[in-house]
Amino acid sequence: MTNFVLAAQAAQGGGMSMIIMMVAIFAIMWFFMIKPQQKKQKEIQKFQNELSEGQQVITGGGIYGTVKSIDLAKNTVDVKIARDVIITVDKSYVFKDPTSVPTTK
């Protein structure tokens, strides 16, 4: 009978440690995966909101160019990619060009 009581108590403690382990795994995932991704997404959103003409950008398709104009009503950006070649891209597909040198204002 005593062994049965000890086994029941051990099983109850095992359930609690399983819950604690699951919470710990979720916390680790939050701090190492989800939180940095949210921070990066906020930076991208901030860049897209502060977009200005003449800025060097890269499109979601990998095309490098310079912003010529921004249409806030349509949420589009005209990007010059070569001499006399201007494409219109959705504003959410325009990202910061990592090779561009920041200009001082």
PDB file of N, CA and C in Angstrom:
ATOM      1  N   MET A   1       0.819  -1.188   0.000  1.00  0.00           N
ATOM      2  CA  MET A   1       0.000   0.000   0.000  1.00  0.00           C
ATOM      3  C   MET A   1       0.865   1.256   0.000  1.00  0.00           C
ATOM      4  N   THR A   2       1.965   1.225   0.728  1.00  0.00           N
ATOM      5  CA  THR A   2       2.833   2.374   0.802  1.00  0.00           C
ATOM      6  C   THR A   2       3.457   2.687  -0.563  1.00  0.00           C
ATOM      7  N   ASN A   3       3.826   1.668  -1.300  1.00  0.00           N
ATOM      8  CA  ASN A   3       4.400   1.887  -2.623  1.00  0.00           C
ATOM      9  C   ASN A   3       3.401   2.563  -3.557  1.00  0.00           C
ATOM     10  N   PHE A   4       2.125   2.191  -3.418  1.00  0.00           N
ATOM     11  CA  PHE A   4       1.090   2.785  -4.253  1.00  0.00           C
ATOM     12  C   PHE A   4       0.935   4.277  -3.959  1.00  0.00           C
ATOM     13  N   VAL A   5       0.972   4.661  -2.681  1.00  0.00           N
ATOM     14  CA  VAL A   5       0.857   6.066  -2.277  1.00  0.00           C
ATOM     15  C   VAL A   5       2.060   6.856  -2.780  1.00  0.00           C
ATOM     16  N   LEU A   6       3.244   6.308  -2.655  1.00  0.00           N
ATOM     17  CA  LEU A   6       4.449   6.982  -3.138  1.00  0.00           C
ATOM     18  C   LEU A   6       4.415   7.147  -4.657  1.00  0.00           C
ATOM     19  N   ALA A   7       3.927   6.147  -5.366  1.00  0.00           N
ATOM     20  CA  ALA A   7       3.837   6.225  -6.828  1.00  0.00           C
ATOM     21  C   ALA A   7       2.832   7.287  -7.238  1.00  0.00           C
ATOM     22  N   ALA A   8       1.730   7.408  -6.519  1.00  0.00           N
ATOM     23  CA  ALA A   8       0.714   8.418  -6.828  1.00  0.00           C
ATOM     24  C   ALA A   8       1.267   9.819  -6.593  1.00  0.00           C
ATOM     25  N   GLN A   9       2.017  10.006  -5.514  1.00  0.00           N
ATOM     26  CA  GLN A   9       2.610  11.311  -5.234  1.00  0.00           C
ATOM     27  C   GLN A   9       3.660  11.665  -6.284  1.00  0.00           C
ATOM     28  N   ALA A  10       4.430  10.707  -6.724  1.00  0.00           N
ATOM     29  CA  ALA A  10       5.454  10.955  -7.747  1.00  0.00           C
ATOM     30  C   ALA A  10       4.792  11.327  -9.073  1.00  0.00           C
ATOM     31  N   ALA A  11       3.689  10.699  -9.405  1.00  0.00           N
ATOM     32  CA  ALA A  11       2.982  11.003 -10.650  1.00  0.00           C
ATOM     33  C   ALA A  11       2.437  12.420 -10.623  1.00  0.00           C
ATOM     34  N   GLN A  12       1.924  12.865  -9.482  1.00  0.00           N
ATOM     35  CA  GLN A  12       1.407  14.225  -9.376  1.00  0.00           C
ATOM     36  C   GLN A  12       2.531  15.241  -9.541  1.00  0.00           C
ATOM     37  N   GLY A  13       3.647  15.006  -8.954  1.00  0.00           N
ATOM     38  CA  GLY A  13       4.788  15.910  -9.077  1.00  0.00           C
ATOM     39  C   GLY A  13       5.317  15.931 -10.493  1.00  0.00           C
ATOM     40  N   GLY A  14       5.264  14.807 -11.187  1.00  0.00           N
ATOM     41  CA  GLY A  14       5.722  14.737 -12.566  1.00  0.00           C
ATOM     42  C   GLY A  14       4.877  15.598 -13.494  1.00  0.00           C
ATOM     43  N   GLY A  15       3.574  15.686 -13.219  1.00  0.00           N
ATOM     44  CA  GLY A  15       2.689  16.524 -14.028  1.00  0.00           C
ATOM     45  C   GLY A  15       3.019  17.997 -13.878  1.00  0.00           C
ATOM     46  N   MET A  16       3.340  18.399 -12.671  1.00  0.00           N
ATOM     47  CA  MET A  16       3.672  19.797 -12.417  1.00  0.00           C
ATOM     48  C   MET A  16       5.003  20.168 -13.072  1.00  0.00           C
ATOM     49  N   SER A  17       5.971  19.270 -13.014  1.00  0.00           N
ATOM     50  CA  SER A  17       7.260  19.566 -13.646  1.00  0.00           C
ATOM     51  C   SER A  17       7.115  19.634 -15.162  1.00  0.00           C
ATOM     52  N   MET A  18       6.186  18.880 -15.731  1.00  0.00           N
ATOM     53  CA  MET A  18       5.933  18.926 -17.174  1.00  0.00           C
ATOM     54  C   MET A  18       5.382  20.293 -17.571  1.00  0.00           C
ATOM     55  N   ILE A  19       4.482  20.831 -16.758  1.00  0.00           N
ATOM     56  CA  ILE A  19       3.923  22.159 -17.031  1.00  0.00           C
ATOM     57  C   ILE A  19       5.003  23.221 -16.936  1.00  0.00           C
ATOM     58  N   ILE A  20       5.841  23.117 -15.915  1.00  0.00           N
ATOM     59  CA  ILE A  20       6.937  24.080 -15.748  1.00  0.00           C
ATOM     60  C   ILE A  20       7.890  24.001 -16.936  1.00  0.00           C
ATOM     61  N   MET A  21       8.178  22.794 -17.406  1.00  0.00           N
ATOM     62  CA  MET A  21       9.068  22.606 -18.551  1.00  0.00           C
ATOM     63  C   MET A  21       8.471  23.238 -19.815  1.00  0.00           C
ATOM     64  N   MET A  22       7.172  23.082 -20.042  1.00  0.00           N
ATOM     65  CA  MET A  22       6.512  23.654 -21.212  1.00  0.00           C
ATOM     66  C   MET A  22       6.549  25.180 -21.168  1.00  0.00           C
ATOM     67  N   VAL A  23       6.327  25.744 -19.984  1.00  0.00           N
ATOM     68  CA  VAL A  23       6.391  27.203 -19.820  1.00  0.00           C
ATOM     69  C   VAL A  23       7.813  27.692 -20.098  1.00  0.00           C
ATOM     70  N   ALA A  24       8.801  26.974 -19.614  1.00  0.00           N
ATOM     71  CA  ALA A  24      10.200  27.359 -19.843  1.00  0.00           C
ATOM     72  C   ALA A  24      10.541  27.310 -21.335  1.00  0.00           C
ATOM     73  N   ILE A  25      10.090  26.284 -22.036  1.00  0.00           N
ATOM     74  CA  ILE A  25      10.355  26.175 -23.476  1.00  0.00           C
ATOM     75  C   ILE A  25       9.694  27.327 -24.217  1.00  0.00           C
ATOM     76  N   PHE A  26       8.460  27.660 -23.874  1.00  0.00           N
ATOM     77  CA  PHE A  26       7.776  28.783 -24.509  1.00  0.00           C
ATOM     78  C   PHE A  26       8.510  30.094 -24.249  1.00  0.00           C
ATOM     79  N   ALA A  27       8.976  30.290 -23.015  1.00  0.00           N
ATOM     80  CA  ALA A  27       9.705  31.526 -22.685  1.00  0.00           C
ATOM     81  C   ALA A  27      10.996  31.625 -23.490  1.00  0.00           C
ATOM     82  N   ILE A  28      11.697  30.525 -23.632  1.00  0.00           N
ATOM     83  CA  ILE A  28      12.930  30.532 -24.425  1.00  0.00           C
ATOM     84  C   ILE A  28      12.620  30.856 -25.883  1.00  0.00           C
ATOM     85  N   MET A  29      11.587  30.244 -26.435  1.00  0.00           N
ATOM     86  CA  MET A  29      11.203  30.526 -27.819  1.00  0.00           C
ATOM     87  C   MET A  29      10.827  31.992 -27.985  1.00  0.00           C
ATOM     88  N   TRP A  30      10.133  32.549 -27.019  1.00  0.00           N
ATOM     89  CA  TRP A  30       9.701  33.948 -27.090  1.00  0.00           C
ATOM     90  C   TRP A  30      10.904  34.881 -27.159  1.00  0.00           C
ATOM     91  N   PHE A  31      11.876  34.678 -26.276  1.00  0.00           N
ATOM     92  CA  PHE A  31      13.009  35.596 -26.209  1.00  0.00           C
ATOM     93  C   PHE A  31      14.017  35.415 -27.334  1.00  0.00           C
ATOM     94  N   PHE A  32      14.129  34.227 -27.897  1.00  0.00           N
ATOM     95  CA  PHE A  32      15.129  33.997 -28.924  1.00  0.00           C
ATOM     96  C   PHE A  32      14.577  33.987 -30.346  1.00  0.00           C
ATOM     97  N   MET A  33      13.258  33.836 -30.516  1.00  0.00           N
ATOM     98  CA  MET A  33      12.712  33.754 -31.863  1.00  0.00           C
ATOM     99  C   MET A  33      11.646  34.815 -32.135  1.00  0.00           C
ATOM    100  N   ILE A  34      10.642  34.884 -31.326  1.00  0.00           N
ATOM    101  CA  ILE A  34       9.498  35.740 -31.610  1.00  0.00           C
ATOM    102  C   ILE A  34       9.821  37.212 -31.377  1.00  0.00           C
ATOM    103  N   LYS A  35      10.407  37.544 -30.255  1.00  0.00           N
ATOM    104  CA  LYS A  35      10.694  38.945 -29.917  1.00  0.00           C
ATOM    105  C   LYS A  35      11.657  39.601 -30.908  1.00  0.00           C
ATOM    106  N   PRO A  36      12.783  38.971 -31.296  1.00  0.00           N
ATOM    107  CA  PRO A  36      13.661  39.606 -32.291  1.00  0.00           C
ATOM    108  C   PRO A  36      12.968  39.803 -33.649  1.00  0.00           C
ATOM    109  N   GLN A  37      12.107  38.863 -34.034  1.00  0.00           N
ATOM    110  CA  GLN A  37      11.393  38.998 -35.298  1.00  0.00           C
ATOM    111  C   GLN A  37      10.421  40.170 -35.249  1.00  0.00           C
ATOM    112  N   GLN A  38       9.748  40.357 -34.126  1.00  0.00           N
ATOM    113  CA  GLN A  38       8.846  41.496 -33.982  1.00  0.00           C
ATOM    114  C   GLN A  38       9.620  42.811 -34.033  1.00  0.00           C
ATOM    115  N   LYS A  39      10.800  42.846 -33.423  1.00  0.00           N
ATOM    116  CA  LYS A  39      11.624  44.054 -33.440  1.00  0.00           C
ATOM    117  C   LYS A  39      12.056  44.378 -34.864  1.00  0.00           C
ATOM    118  N   LYS A  40      12.470  43.368 -35.615  1.00  0.00           N
ATOM    119  CA  LYS A  40      12.889  43.578 -36.999  1.00  0.00           C
ATOM    120  C   LYS A  40      11.717  44.061 -37.845  1.00  0.00           C
ATOM    121  N   GLN A  41      10.534  43.505 -37.631  1.00  0.00           N
ATOM    122  CA  GLN A  41       9.350  43.912 -38.381  1.00  0.00           C
ATOM    123  C   GLN A  41       9.003  45.370 -38.090  1.00  0.00           C
ATOM    124  N   LYS A  42       9.158  45.813 -36.841  1.00  0.00           N
ATOM    125  CA  LYS A  42       8.905  47.209 -36.495  1.00  0.00           C
ATOM    126  C   LYS A  42       9.898  48.135 -37.187  1.00  0.00           C
ATOM    127  N   GLU A  43      11.160  47.722 -37.288  1.00  0.00           N
ATOM    128  CA  GLU A  43      12.167  48.526 -37.981  1.00  0.00           C
ATOM    129  C   GLU A  43      11.834  48.662 -39.465  1.00  0.00           C
ATOM    130  N   ILE A  44      11.398  47.583 -40.090  1.00  0.00           N
ATOM    131  CA  ILE A  44      11.021  47.621 -41.506  1.00  0.00           C
ATOM    132  C   ILE A  44       9.830  48.550 -41.698  1.00  0.00           C
ATOM    133  N   GLN A  45       8.837  48.436 -40.821  1.00  0.00           N
ATOM    134  CA  GLN A  45       7.646  49.293 -40.910  1.00  0.00           C
ATOM    135  C   GLN A  45       8.024  50.758 -40.739  1.00  0.00           C
ATOM    136  N   LYS A  46       8.928  51.048 -39.811  1.00  0.00           N
ATOM    137  CA  LYS A  46       9.375  52.424 -39.591  1.00  0.00           C
ATOM    138  C   LYS A  46      10.074  52.960 -40.828  1.00  0.00           C
ATOM    139  N   PHE A  47      10.939  52.145 -41.461  1.00  0.00           N
ATOM    140  CA  PHE A  47      11.626  52.566 -42.674  1.00  0.00           C
ATOM    141  C   PHE A  47      10.622  52.871 -43.782  1.00  0.00           C
ATOM    142  N   GLN A  48       9.629  52.003 -43.960  1.00  0.00           N
ATOM    143  CA  GLN A  48       8.645  52.201 -45.018  1.00  0.00           C
ATOM    144  C   GLN A  48       7.795  53.446 -44.769  1.00  0.00           C
ATOM    145  N   ASN A  49       7.506  53.765 -43.521  1.00  0.00           N
ATOM    146  CA  ASN A  49       6.731  54.966 -43.209  1.00  0.00           C
ATOM    147  C   ASN A  49       7.548  56.237 -43.407  1.00  0.00           C
ATOM    148  N   GLU A  50       8.876  56.169 -43.243  1.00  0.00           N
ATOM    149  CA  GLU A  50       9.746  57.336 -43.371  1.00  0.00           C
ATOM    150  C   GLU A  50      10.400  57.423 -44.752  1.00  0.00           C
ATOM    151  N   LEU A  51       9.919  56.643 -45.703  1.00  0.00           N
ATOM    152  CA  LEU A  51      10.479  56.601 -47.046  1.00  0.00           C
ATOM    153  C   LEU A  51      10.403  57.980 -47.687  1.00  0.00           C
ATOM    154  N   SER A  52      11.476  58.378 -48.386  1.00  0.00           N
ATOM    155  CA  SER A  52      11.492  59.684 -49.039  1.00  0.00           C
ATOM    156  C   SER A  52      12.116  59.560 -50.427  1.00  0.00           C
ATOM    157  N   GLU A  53      11.852  60.540 -51.256  1.00  0.00           N
ATOM    158  CA  GLU A  53      12.376  60.534 -52.622  1.00  0.00           C
ATOM    159  C   GLU A  53      13.904  60.629 -52.609  1.00  0.00           C
ATOM    160  N   GLY A  54      14.534  59.909 -53.539  1.00  0.00           N
ATOM    161  CA  GLY A  54      15.986  59.921 -53.647  1.00  0.00           C
ATOM    162  C   GLY A  54      16.676  58.857 -52.805  1.00  0.00           C
ATOM    163  N   GLN A  55      15.923  58.123 -52.025  1.00  0.00           N
ATOM    164  CA  GLN A  55      16.497  57.099 -51.160  1.00  0.00           C
ATOM    165  C   GLN A  55      16.815  55.834 -51.953  1.00  0.00           C
ATOM    166  N   GLN A  56      17.950  55.203 -51.627  1.00  0.00           N
ATOM    167  CA  GLN A  56      18.320  53.933 -52.244  1.00  0.00           C
ATOM    168  C   GLN A  56      17.533  52.822 -51.570  1.00  0.00           C
ATOM    169  N   VAL A  57      16.873  51.961 -52.370  1.00  0.00           N
ATOM    170  CA  VAL A  57      16.056  50.887 -51.817  1.00  0.00           C
ATOM    171  C   VAL A  57      16.286  49.600 -52.603  1.00  0.00           C
ATOM    172  N   ILE A  58      15.755  48.524 -52.057  1.00  0.00           N
ATOM    173  CA  ILE A  58      15.716  47.242 -52.748  1.00  0.00           C
ATOM    174  C   ILE A  58      14.272  46.736 -52.643  1.00  0.00           C
ATOM    175  N   THR A  59      13.743  46.218 -53.749  1.00  0.00           N
ATOM    176  CA  THR A  59      12.369  45.725 -53.739  1.00  0.00           C
ATOM    177  C   THR A  59      12.335  44.300 -53.207  1.00  0.00           C
ATOM    178  N   GLY A  60      11.131  43.830 -52.946  1.00  0.00           N
ATOM    179  CA  GLY A  60      10.955  42.457 -52.480  1.00  0.00           C
ATOM    180  C   GLY A  60      11.438  41.444 -53.503  1.00  0.00           C
ATOM    181  N   GLY A  61      11.496  41.834 -54.773  1.00  0.00           N
ATOM    182  CA  GLY A  61      11.977  40.947 -55.830  1.00  0.00           C
ATOM    183  C   GLY A  61      13.477  41.011 -56.031  1.00  0.00           C
ATOM    184  N   GLY A  62      14.172  41.836 -55.259  1.00  0.00           N
ATOM    185  CA  GLY A  62      15.626  41.911 -55.345  1.00  0.00           C
ATOM    186  C   GLY A  62      16.141  42.952 -56.324  1.00  0.00           C
ATOM    187  N   ILE A  63      15.301  43.893 -56.729  1.00  0.00           N
ATOM    188  CA  ILE A  63      15.708  44.931 -57.674  1.00  0.00           C
ATOM    189  C   ILE A  63      16.160  46.162 -56.887  1.00  0.00           C
ATOM    190  N   TYR A  64      17.372  46.626 -57.167  1.00  0.00           N
ATOM    191  CA  TYR A  64      17.918  47.815 -56.524  1.00  0.00           C
ATOM    192  C   TYR A  64      17.514  49.040 -57.317  1.00  0.00           C
ATOM    193  N   GLY A  65      17.224  50.143 -56.614  1.00  0.00           N
ATOM    194  CA  GLY A  65      16.862  51.362 -57.309  1.00  0.00           C
ATOM    195  C   GLY A  65      16.787  52.544 -56.370  1.00  0.00           C
ATOM    196  N   THR A  66      16.283  53.650 -56.932  1.00  0.00           N
ATOM    197  CA  THR A  66      16.149  54.906 -56.201  1.00  0.00           C
ATOM    198  C   THR A  66      14.693  55.336 -56.232  1.00  0.00           C
ATOM    199  N   VAL A  67      14.171  55.773 -55.107  1.00  0.00           N
ATOM    200  CA  VAL A  67      12.782  56.220 -55.028  1.00  0.00           C
ATOM    201  C   VAL A  67      12.630  57.521 -55.812  1.00  0.00           C
ATOM    202  N   LYS A  68      11.680  57.531 -56.753  1.00  0.00           N
ATOM    203  CA  LYS A  68      11.395  58.742 -57.530  1.00  0.00           C
ATOM    204  C   LYS A  68      10.180  59.466 -56.974  1.00  0.00           C
ATOM    205  N   SER A  69       9.123  58.710 -56.636  1.00  0.00           N
ATOM    206  CA  SER A  69       7.935  59.341 -56.069  1.00  0.00           C
ATOM    207  C   SER A  69       7.171  58.317 -55.229  1.00  0.00           C
ATOM    208  N   ILE A  70       6.344  58.855 -54.333  1.00  0.00           N
ATOM    209  CA  ILE A  70       5.550  58.020 -53.430  1.00  0.00           C
ATOM    210  C   ILE A  70       4.092  58.448 -53.550  1.00  0.00           C
ATOM    211  N   ASP A  71       3.196  57.499 -53.799  1.00  0.00           N
ATOM    212  CA  ASP A  71       1.763  57.769 -53.871  1.00  0.00           C
ATOM    213  C   ASP A  71       1.107  57.161 -52.639  1.00  0.00           C
ATOM    214  N   LEU A  72       0.797  57.999 -51.648  1.00  0.00           N
ATOM    215  CA  LEU A  72       0.219  57.509 -50.397  1.00  0.00           C
ATOM    216  C   LEU A  72      -1.214  57.030 -50.582  1.00  0.00           C
ATOM    217  N   ALA A  73      -1.935  57.591 -51.545  1.00  0.00           N
ATOM    218  CA  ALA A  73      -3.324  57.184 -51.780  1.00  0.00           C
ATOM    219  C   ALA A  73      -3.384  55.740 -52.275  1.00  0.00           C
ATOM    220  N   LYS A  74      -2.472  55.377 -53.171  1.00  0.00           N
ATOM    221  CA  LYS A  74      -2.439  54.022 -53.717  1.00  0.00           C
ATOM    222  C   LYS A  74      -1.482  53.116 -52.963  1.00  0.00           C
ATOM    223  N   ASN A  75      -0.706  53.691 -52.052  1.00  0.00           N
ATOM    224  CA  ASN A  75       0.304  52.957 -51.278  1.00  0.00           C
ATOM    225  C   ASN A  75       1.352  52.321 -52.195  1.00  0.00           C
ATOM    226  N   THR A  76       1.792  53.104 -53.194  1.00  0.00           N
ATOM    227  CA  THR A  76       2.795  52.624 -54.142  1.00  0.00           C
ATOM    228  C   THR A  76       4.002  53.547 -54.164  1.00  0.00           C
ATOM    229  N   VAL A  77       5.102  53.020 -54.694  1.00  0.00           N
ATOM    230  CA  VAL A  77       6.346  53.770 -54.813  1.00  0.00           C
ATOM    231  C   VAL A  77       6.864  53.583 -56.231  1.00  0.00           C
ATOM    232  N   ASP A  78       7.256  54.689 -56.880  1.00  0.00           N
ATOM    233  CA  ASP A  78       7.909  54.608 -58.177  1.00  0.00           C
ATOM    234  C   ASP A  78       9.411  54.540 -57.934  1.00  0.00           C
ATOM    235  N   VAL A  79      10.043  53.495 -58.464  1.00  0.00           N
ATOM    236  CA  VAL A  79      11.464  53.253 -58.242  1.00  0.00           C
ATOM    237  C   VAL A  79      12.186  53.301 -59.582  1.00  0.00           C
ATOM    238  N   LYS A  80      13.220  54.138 -59.660  1.00  0.00           N
ATOM    239  CA  LYS A  80      14.044  54.218 -60.862  1.00  0.00           C
ATOM    240  C   LYS A  80      15.123  53.149 -60.751  1.00  0.00           C
ATOM    241  N   ILE A  81      15.139  52.219 -61.722  1.00  0.00           N
ATOM    242  CA  ILE A  81      16.095  51.112 -61.664  1.00  0.00           C
ATOM    243  C   ILE A  81      17.191  51.244 -62.724  1.00  0.00           C
ATOM    244  N   ALA A  82      16.971  52.086 -63.722  1.00  0.00           N
ATOM    245  CA  ALA A  82      17.964  52.357 -64.765  1.00  0.00           C
ATOM    246  C   ALA A  82      17.571  53.675 -65.429  1.00  0.00           C
ATOM    247  N   ARG A  83      18.408  54.156 -66.336  1.00  0.00           N
ATOM    248  CA  ARG A  83      18.094  55.398 -67.033  1.00  0.00           C
ATOM    249  C   ARG A  83      16.785  55.212 -67.798  1.00  0.00           C
ATOM    250  N   ASP A  84      15.836  56.102 -67.552  1.00  0.00           N
ATOM    251  CA  ASP A  84      14.516  56.097 -68.194  1.00  0.00           C
ATOM    252  C   ASP A  84      13.712  54.830 -67.923  1.00  0.00           C
ATOM    253  N   VAL A  85      14.019  54.081 -66.862  1.00  0.00           N
ATOM    254  CA  VAL A  85      13.244  52.896 -66.484  1.00  0.00           C
ATOM    255  C   VAL A  85      12.750  53.086 -65.049  1.00  0.00           C
ATOM    256  N   ILE A  86      11.431  53.262 -64.927  1.00  0.00           N
ATOM    257  CA  ILE A  86      10.823  53.464 -63.613  1.00  0.00           C
ATOM    258  C   ILE A  86       9.737  52.411 -63.443  1.00  0.00           C
ATOM    259  N   ILE A  87       9.772  51.716 -62.315  1.00  0.00           N
ATOM    260  CA  ILE A  87       8.751  50.708 -62.030  1.00  0.00           C
ATOM    261  C   ILE A  87       7.934  51.160 -60.823  1.00  0.00           C
ATOM    262  N   THR A  88       6.695  50.710 -60.770  1.00  0.00           N
ATOM    263  CA  THR A  88       5.822  51.008 -59.646  1.00  0.00           C
ATOM    264  C   THR A  88       5.719  49.753 -58.782  1.00  0.00           C
ATOM    265  N   VAL A  89       5.995  49.916 -57.495  1.00  0.00           N
ATOM    266  CA  VAL A  89       6.027  48.800 -56.555  1.00  0.00           C
ATOM    267  C   VAL A  89       5.150  49.146 -55.363  1.00  0.00           C
ATOM    268  N   ASP A  90       4.472  48.147 -54.810  1.00  0.00           N
ATOM    269  CA  ASP A  90       3.710  48.341 -53.584  1.00  0.00           C
ATOM    270  C   ASP A  90       4.671  48.759 -52.468  1.00  0.00           C
ATOM    271  N   LYS A  91       4.252  49.714 -51.668  1.00  0.00           N
ATOM    272  CA  LYS A  91       5.123  50.271 -50.630  1.00  0.00           C
ATOM    273  C   LYS A  91       5.600  49.219 -49.629  1.00  0.00           C
ATOM    274  N   SER A  92       4.798  48.198 -49.382  1.00  0.00           N
ATOM    275  CA  SER A  92       5.185  47.177 -48.409  1.00  0.00           C
ATOM    276  C   SER A  92       6.261  46.236 -48.950  1.00  0.00           C
ATOM    277  N   TYR A  93       6.598  46.337 -50.242  1.00  0.00           N
ATOM    278  CA  TYR A  93       7.649  45.505 -50.832  1.00  0.00           C
ATOM    279  C   TYR A  93       8.919  46.305 -51.119  1.00  0.00           C
ATOM    280  N   VAL A  94       9.091  47.420 -50.442  1.00  0.00           N
ATOM    281  CA  VAL A  94      10.294  48.243 -50.583  1.00  0.00           C
ATOM    282  C   VAL A  94      11.043  48.199 -49.262  1.00  0.00           C
ATOM    283  N   PHE A  95      12.323  47.844 -49.333  1.00  0.00           N
ATOM    284  CA  PHE A  95      13.129  47.676 -48.130  1.00  0.00           C
ATOM    285  C   PHE A  95      14.401  48.514 -48.223  1.00  0.00           C
ATOM    286  N   LYS A  96      15.049  48.691 -47.089  1.00  0.00           N
ATOM    287  CA  LYS A  96      16.296  49.458 -47.007  1.00  0.00           C
ATOM    288  C   LYS A  96      17.399  48.732 -47.766  1.00  0.00           C
ATOM    289  N   ASP A  97      18.115  49.475 -48.592  1.00  0.00           N
ATOM    290  CA  ASP A  97      19.235  48.912 -49.335  1.00  0.00           C
ATOM    291  C   ASP A  97      20.438  48.802 -48.400  1.00  0.00           C
ATOM    292  N   PRO A  98      20.889  47.590 -48.108  1.00  0.00           N
ATOM    293  CA  PRO A  98      22.002  47.439 -47.153  1.00  0.00           C
ATOM    294  C   PRO A  98      23.319  47.966 -47.696  1.00  0.00           C
ATOM    295  N   THR A  99      23.446  48.139 -48.998  1.00  0.00           N
ATOM    296  CA  THR A  99      24.708  48.627 -49.572  1.00  0.00           C
ATOM    297  C   THR A  99      24.761  50.142 -49.655  1.00  0.00           C
ATOM    298  N   SER A 100      23.634  50.826 -49.431  1.00  0.00           N
ATOM    299  CA  SER A 100      23.635  52.279 -49.553  1.00  0.00           C
ATOM    300  C   SER A 100      24.298  52.919 -48.344  1.00  0.00           C
ATOM    301  N   VAL A 101      24.978  54.007 -48.594  1.00  0.00           N
ATOM    302  CA  VAL A 101      25.644  54.769 -47.533  1.00  0.00           C
ATOM    303  C   VAL A 101      24.658  55.800 -47.042  1.00  0.00           C
ATOM    304  N   PRO A 102      24.417  55.867 -45.734  1.00  0.00           N
ATOM    305  CA  PRO A 102      23.446  56.860 -45.232  1.00  0.00           C
ATOM    306  C   PRO A 102      23.920  58.274 -45.523  1.00  0.00           C
ATOM    307  N   THR A 103      22.979  59.090 -45.968  1.00  0.00           N
ATOM    308  CA  THR A 103      23.312  60.488 -46.259  1.00  0.00           C
ATOM    309  C   THR A 103      23.043  61.339 -45.036  1.00  0.00           C
ATOM    310  N   THR A 104      23.839  62.372 -44.839  1.00  0.00           N
ATOM    311  CA  THR A 104      23.651  63.267 -43.713  1.00  0.00           C
ATOM    312  C   THR A 104      22.729  64.385 -44.156  1.00  0.00           C
ATOM    313  N   LYS A 105      21.803  64.750 -43.292  1.00  0.00           N
ATOM    314  CA  LYS A 105      20.846  65.812 -43.633  1.00  0.00           C
ATOM    315  C   LYS A 105      21.185  67.073 -42.909  1.00  0.00           C
TER     316      LYS A 105
END
